[in-house]
Amino acid sequence: MDKRSIDTKLKDNLLLRMVVMPYKVYAYKKMRHEYGRSEEPEKIKKFKDCNVGKRCFLIGNGPSLKAEDLDRLKNEITMAANRIWNVFGMTVWRPTYYFLVDPRGEEMLPIIKEQELSNVFLCYQLKKKGNNNSKFYYLMQDGYKVFIHNDRSAHISEDISQYFSQGGTVLFAALQFAIYTGIKEIYLLGVDFNYSHIIDKWGKVRKVNGVVDYFDGKSYSGSRLSYYSVLYAWQAAKKYCDEHGIKIYNATRGGKLEVFERVDFDSLF
């Protein structure tokens, strides 16, 4: 069993999480205070309203994503995350903004550093682990959570230079960044909301028959969806966007995310 698998099992152990909760809360508060006094918030602030009134595409890593669709987005504002670099060999497209906000994603950093990525956003914990790079931007999450299943605390942070709200998916952080930059029209692509393994309301990992994870079909360690937490996050996003005049559509080819109005991807061009 690799280190990531062990970390995942420990994270999913509710009893253990409750035992270490006082220390984790203390450590988080200390880290957030340190973040606030660092140069990182000021570096993020330069992106405030830099895309006012424009549209963007949030790119998920679902199996519906096609390389040829990404090529059509090479002149659009796009935000992608995690192992999206697996598709780089099939497309000239590269995301305008790239996100990795899982503290356990340290294993991806050597590969990320080799890619042609201009705006890389990582969680601050990765910098704390010694991954300090002047070309990277670091974001602070909103807090330490004990309950990771059916969590209903997700919300839109209106100042992502201070913190981003966790929603169980990295694209929820990207969405908050898009709003922070002034984007008024958001399209989801490749957000299938359909994983080979999900975590149900009771914290049980369940395999979904017939679902293959993206790219090479291998089930990456930790590649699971806390289904109800993520669903609530998308619902919270829709409510916020509706109230603030921001349009958000689902242009994914298929998939199971029905929170947002569907649009045909091809019709957008």
Protein backbone atom coordinates (compact mmCIF):
# COMPACT_ATOMS: atom_id res chain seq x y z
CA MET A 1 0.00 0.00 0.00
CA ASP A 2 1.46 3.37 -1.02
CA LYS A 3 1.72 6.46 1.18
CA ARG A 4 -1.29 8.15 -0.43
CA SER A 5 -3.47 5.10 0.25
CA ILE A 6 -2.37 5.08 3.89
CA ASP A 7 -3.04 8.83 4.23
CA THR A 8 -6.50 8.32 2.70
CA LYS A 9 -7.38 5.55 5.15
CA LEU A 10 -6.25 7.68 8.09
CA LYS A 11 -8.20 10.67 6.81
CA ASP A 12 -11.33 8.55 6.51
CA ASN A 13 -11.02 7.22 10.07
CA LEU A 14 -13.54 9.40 11.88
CA LEU A 15 -12.45 8.34 15.37
CA LEU A 16 -8.84 9.19 14.64
CA ARG A 17 -9.83 12.54 13.14
CA MET A 18 -11.81 13.46 16.26
CA VAL A 19 -8.88 12.50 18.50
CA VAL A 20 -6.46 14.74 16.62
CA MET A 21 -9.02 17.49 16.00
CA PRO A 22 -7.78 19.93 18.73
CA TYR A 23 -4.24 19.76 17.36
CA LYS A 24 -5.42 20.09 13.75
CA VAL A 25 -7.58 23.13 14.55
CA TYR A 26 -4.68 24.77 16.39
CA ALA A 27 -2.27 23.99 13.55
CA TYR A 28 -4.71 25.34 10.97
CA LYS A 29 -5.26 28.62 12.85
CA LYS A 30 -1.51 29.05 13.18
CA MET A 31 -1.00 28.34 9.49
CA ARG A 32 -3.77 30.72 8.41
CA HIS A 33 -2.27 33.48 10.56
CA GLU A 34 1.09 32.82 8.95
CA TYR A 35 -0.48 32.86 5.49
CA GLY A 36 -2.12 36.21 6.18
CA ARG A 37 1.25 37.72 7.06
CA SER A 38 3.02 36.23 4.06
CA GLU A 39 3.35 37.63 0.56
CA GLU A 40 0.86 35.12 -0.83
CA PRO A 41 -2.40 37.12 -0.39
CA GLU A 42 -0.87 40.10 -2.20
CA LYS A 43 0.24 37.86 -5.08
CA ILE A 44 -3.33 36.59 -5.45
CA LYS A 45 -4.82 40.08 -5.35
CA LYS A 46 -3.33 40.96 -8.72
CA PHE A 47 -5.94 38.65 -10.29
CA LYS A 48 -8.87 40.56 -8.78
CA ASP A 49 -11.27 41.57 -11.60
CA CYS A 50 -8.70 40.78 -14.29
CA ASN A 51 -11.39 39.02 -16.37
CA VAL A 52 -14.37 41.28 -15.79
CA GLY A 53 -17.37 40.40 -17.93
CA LYS A 54 -15.65 37.54 -19.76
CA ARG A 55 -16.49 33.86 -20.01
CA CYS A 56 -14.44 30.87 -18.95
CA PHE A 57 -14.46 27.08 -19.02
CA LEU A 58 -13.87 24.88 -15.98
CA ILE A 59 -12.35 21.65 -17.25
CA GLY A 60 -13.00 18.44 -15.36
CA ASN A 61 -11.12 15.19 -15.88
CA GLY A 62 -14.20 13.10 -16.63
CA PRO A 63 -14.18 10.37 -19.29
CA SER A 64 -16.40 12.49 -21.55
CA LEU A 65 -13.60 15.02 -22.10
CA LYS A 66 -12.22 15.00 -25.65
CA ALA A 67 -8.84 16.31 -26.76
CA GLU A 68 -10.40 17.86 -29.85
CA ASP A 69 -12.78 19.85 -27.64
CA LEU A 70 -9.81 21.25 -25.73
CA ASP A 71 -8.19 22.38 -28.96
CA ARG A 72 -11.26 24.53 -29.60
CA LEU A 73 -10.61 26.26 -26.28
CA LYS A 74 -7.04 27.37 -26.94
CA ASN A 75 -8.12 31.01 -27.19
CA GLU A 76 -10.57 30.86 -24.28
CA ILE A 77 -10.01 31.41 -20.55
CA THR A 78 -9.80 27.91 -19.10
CA MET A 79 -9.21 26.43 -15.66
CA ALA A 80 -8.12 22.86 -15.13
CA ALA A 81 -6.70 20.75 -12.34
CA ASN A 82 -4.90 17.70 -11.02
CA ARG A 83 -3.88 15.16 -13.69
CA ILE A 84 -5.11 17.18 -16.67
CA TRP A 85 -1.52 17.04 -17.93
CA ASN A 86 -2.20 13.44 -19.01
CA VAL A 87 -4.03 14.83 -22.04
CA PHE A 88 -1.33 17.34 -23.05
CA GLY A 89 0.21 14.89 -25.50
CA MET A 90 -3.02 14.88 -27.49
CA THR A 91 -3.70 18.63 -27.69
CA VAL A 92 -1.92 21.95 -28.19
CA TRP A 93 -4.30 23.44 -25.62
CA ARG A 94 -3.01 24.41 -22.19
CA PRO A 95 -5.12 25.81 -19.33
CA THR A 96 -4.93 29.50 -18.54
CA TYR A 97 -5.00 28.60 -14.84
CA TYR A 98 -4.07 25.30 -13.20
CA PHE A 99 -5.14 24.19 -9.69
CA LEU A 100 -3.97 21.57 -7.21
CA VAL A 101 -5.48 22.11 -3.76
CA ASP A 102 -5.20 18.64 -2.24
CA PRO A 103 -2.41 18.63 0.39
CA ARG A 104 -1.83 14.99 -0.50
CA GLY A 105 -1.05 15.90 -4.11
CA GLU A 106 2.65 16.41 -3.50
CA GLU A 107 3.46 13.44 -5.73
CA MET A 108 2.23 15.42 -8.76
CA LEU A 109 4.55 18.40 -8.26
CA PRO A 110 7.59 17.03 -10.14
CA ILE A 111 5.39 16.48 -13.19
CA ILE A 112 3.67 19.85 -12.84
CA LYS A 113 7.03 21.61 -12.82
CA GLU A 114 7.84 20.06 -16.20
CA GLN A 115 4.64 21.27 -17.88
CA GLU A 116 3.98 24.44 -19.87
CA LEU A 117 1.80 26.05 -17.23
CA SER A 118 1.81 29.79 -16.67
CA ASN A 119 -0.47 30.23 -13.64
CA VAL A 120 -0.21 27.41 -11.11
CA PHE A 121 -2.29 27.60 -7.93
CA LEU A 122 -1.50 25.21 -5.07
CA CYS A 123 -2.78 24.85 -1.54
CA TYR A 124 -0.57 26.56 1.04
CA GLN A 125 0.10 23.23 2.80
CA LEU A 126 2.26 22.19 -0.16
CA LYS A 127 4.46 25.24 0.32
CA LYS A 128 4.70 24.41 4.01
CA LYS A 129 6.04 20.99 3.03
CA GLY A 130 8.98 22.69 1.38
CA ASN A 131 7.57 23.09 -2.12
CA ASN A 132 8.35 26.77 -2.41
CA ASN A 133 8.48 28.01 -5.98
CA SER A 134 8.37 31.68 -6.93
CA LYS A 135 6.37 30.82 -10.05
CA PHE A 136 3.55 29.26 -8.02
CA TYR A 137 0.63 30.94 -6.27
CA TYR A 138 -0.60 29.54 -2.98
CA LEU A 139 -4.19 29.50 -1.70
CA MET A 140 -5.44 28.99 1.85
CA GLN A 141 -8.40 26.72 2.58
CA ASP A 142 -11.16 27.81 4.93
CA GLY A 143 -10.49 25.44 7.81
CA TYR A 144 -9.93 22.00 9.21
CA LYS A 145 -12.95 19.71 8.91
CA VAL A 146 -13.74 16.56 10.86
CA PHE A 147 -16.74 15.42 8.86
CA ILE A 148 -15.82 14.91 5.22
CA HIS A 149 -19.00 13.10 4.14
CA ASN A 150 -22.28 14.88 3.43
CA ASP A 151 -20.63 18.14 4.46
CA ARG A 152 -22.82 21.21 3.95
CA SER A 153 -20.42 24.03 4.77
CA ALA A 154 -19.36 24.81 1.19
CA HIS A 155 -19.87 28.42 0.14
CA ILE A 156 -18.37 30.97 -2.24
CA SER A 157 -15.47 32.91 -0.78
CA GLU A 158 -15.69 36.47 -2.04
CA ASP A 159 -12.01 37.07 -1.35
CA ILE A 160 -9.97 34.08 -2.42
CA SER A 161 -6.78 35.94 -1.51
CA GLN A 162 -7.79 35.20 2.09
CA TYR A 163 -9.25 31.72 1.73
CA PHE A 164 -11.20 29.37 -0.52
CA SER A 165 -14.10 27.25 0.64
CA GLN A 166 -13.63 23.50 0.29
CA GLY A 167 -16.32 21.72 -1.67
CA GLY A 168 -14.97 18.22 -2.11
CA THR A 169 -13.69 18.98 -5.61
CA VAL A 170 -10.82 21.13 -6.81
CA LEU A 171 -13.09 22.72 -9.41
CA PHE A 172 -15.08 24.37 -6.63
CA ALA A 173 -11.91 26.28 -5.72
CA ALA A 174 -11.38 27.11 -9.40
CA LEU A 175 -14.96 28.38 -9.59
CA GLN A 176 -14.36 30.75 -6.69
CA PHE A 177 -11.22 32.02 -8.41
CA ALA A 178 -13.18 32.58 -11.63
CA ILE A 179 -15.73 34.68 -9.74
CA TYR A 180 -12.92 36.60 -8.01
CA THR A 181 -11.47 37.56 -11.41
CA GLY A 182 -14.81 38.97 -12.55
CA ILE A 183 -15.97 36.16 -14.84
CA LYS A 184 -19.70 36.41 -15.57
CA GLU A 185 -20.25 33.34 -17.73
CA ILE A 186 -18.95 29.92 -16.64
CA TYR A 187 -19.14 26.66 -18.57
CA LEU A 188 -18.35 23.24 -17.12
CA LEU A 189 -16.77 20.71 -19.48
CA GLY A 190 -15.73 17.18 -18.62
CA VAL A 191 -17.43 17.43 -15.22
CA ASP A 192 -19.11 14.03 -15.39
CA PHE A 193 -19.86 13.82 -11.66
CA ASN A 194 -19.55 10.08 -12.11
CA TYR A 195 -16.60 8.30 -10.49
CA SER A 196 -15.66 4.64 -10.28
CA HIS A 197 -15.61 4.96 -6.48
CA ILE A 198 -17.74 7.28 -4.34
CA ILE A 199 -18.09 7.95 -0.63
CA ASP A 200 -21.70 7.77 0.52
CA LYS A 201 -23.42 9.67 3.36
CA TRP A 202 -22.10 7.18 5.90
CA GLY A 203 -18.48 7.39 4.79
CA LYS A 204 -18.47 4.04 3.04
CA VAL A 205 -16.46 3.72 -0.16
CA ARG A 206 -18.61 2.16 -2.85
CA LYS A 207 -17.58 0.98 -6.29
CA VAL A 208 -19.80 2.07 -9.16
CA ASN A 209 -19.98 -0.71 -11.73
CA GLY A 210 -19.38 0.21 -15.35
CA VAL A 211 -17.59 3.49 -14.61
CA VAL A 212 -13.99 3.90 -15.77
CA ASP A 213 -11.81 6.71 -14.49
CA TYR A 214 -10.34 9.13 -17.01
CA PHE A 215 -7.29 8.68 -19.22
CA ASP A 216 -5.75 5.22 -18.83
CA GLY A 217 -8.52 3.41 -16.97
CA LYS A 218 -6.45 2.93 -13.85
CA SER A 219 -8.07 3.75 -10.55
CA TYR A 220 -5.74 6.25 -8.93
CA SER A 221 -5.37 5.97 -5.18
CA GLY A 222 -7.72 8.43 -3.54
CA SER A 223 -9.67 9.01 -6.77
CA ARG A 224 -13.06 8.96 -5.13
CA LEU A 225 -15.94 11.36 -4.91
CA SER A 226 -17.53 12.43 -1.62
CA TYR A 227 -20.76 12.53 -3.57
CA TYR A 228 -23.13 14.41 -1.29
CA SER A 229 -20.54 16.97 -0.17
CA VAL A 230 -19.73 17.82 -3.78
CA LEU A 231 -23.39 17.91 -4.76
CA TYR A 232 -24.10 20.46 -2.03
CA ALA A 233 -21.09 22.54 -3.16
CA TRP A 234 -22.44 22.73 -6.72
CA GLN A 235 -25.89 23.65 -5.38
CA ALA A 236 -24.32 26.40 -3.24
CA ALA A 237 -22.46 27.65 -6.33
CA LYS A 238 -25.67 27.83 -8.35
CA LYS A 239 -27.47 29.75 -5.61
CA TYR A 240 -24.65 32.28 -5.32
CA CYS A 241 -24.31 32.75 -9.06
CA ASP A 242 -28.06 33.18 -9.52
CA GLU A 243 -28.06 35.87 -6.82
CA HIS A 244 -25.07 37.73 -8.28
CA GLY A 245 -25.88 37.76 -11.98
CA ILE A 246 -23.33 35.11 -12.92
CA LYS A 247 -24.36 32.52 -15.49
CA ILE A 248 -23.13 28.98 -15.03
CA TYR A 249 -23.88 26.19 -17.49
CA ASN A 250 -22.99 22.54 -17.88
CA ALA A 251 -21.51 21.90 -21.33
CA THR A 252 -20.29 18.40 -20.41
CA ARG A 253 -21.06 15.71 -22.96
CA GLY A 254 -23.29 13.51 -20.83
CA GLY A 255 -22.42 12.85 -17.21
CA LYS A 256 -24.69 13.03 -14.18
CA LEU A 257 -24.43 16.62 -12.95
CA GLU A 258 -27.88 18.16 -13.36
CA VAL A 259 -27.59 21.14 -10.98
CA PHE A 260 -26.90 23.57 -13.81
CA GLU A 261 -28.68 24.29 -17.07
CA ARG A 262 -27.36 22.12 -19.88
CA VAL A 263 -25.95 23.64 -23.06
CA ASP A 264 -24.56 21.98 -26.17
CA PHE A 265 -20.79 22.51 -26.25
CA ASP A 266 -20.67 22.70 -30.05
CA SER A 267 -23.26 25.51 -30.08
CA LEU A 268 -20.89 27.78 -28.14
CA PHE A 269 -18.69 28.27 -31.20
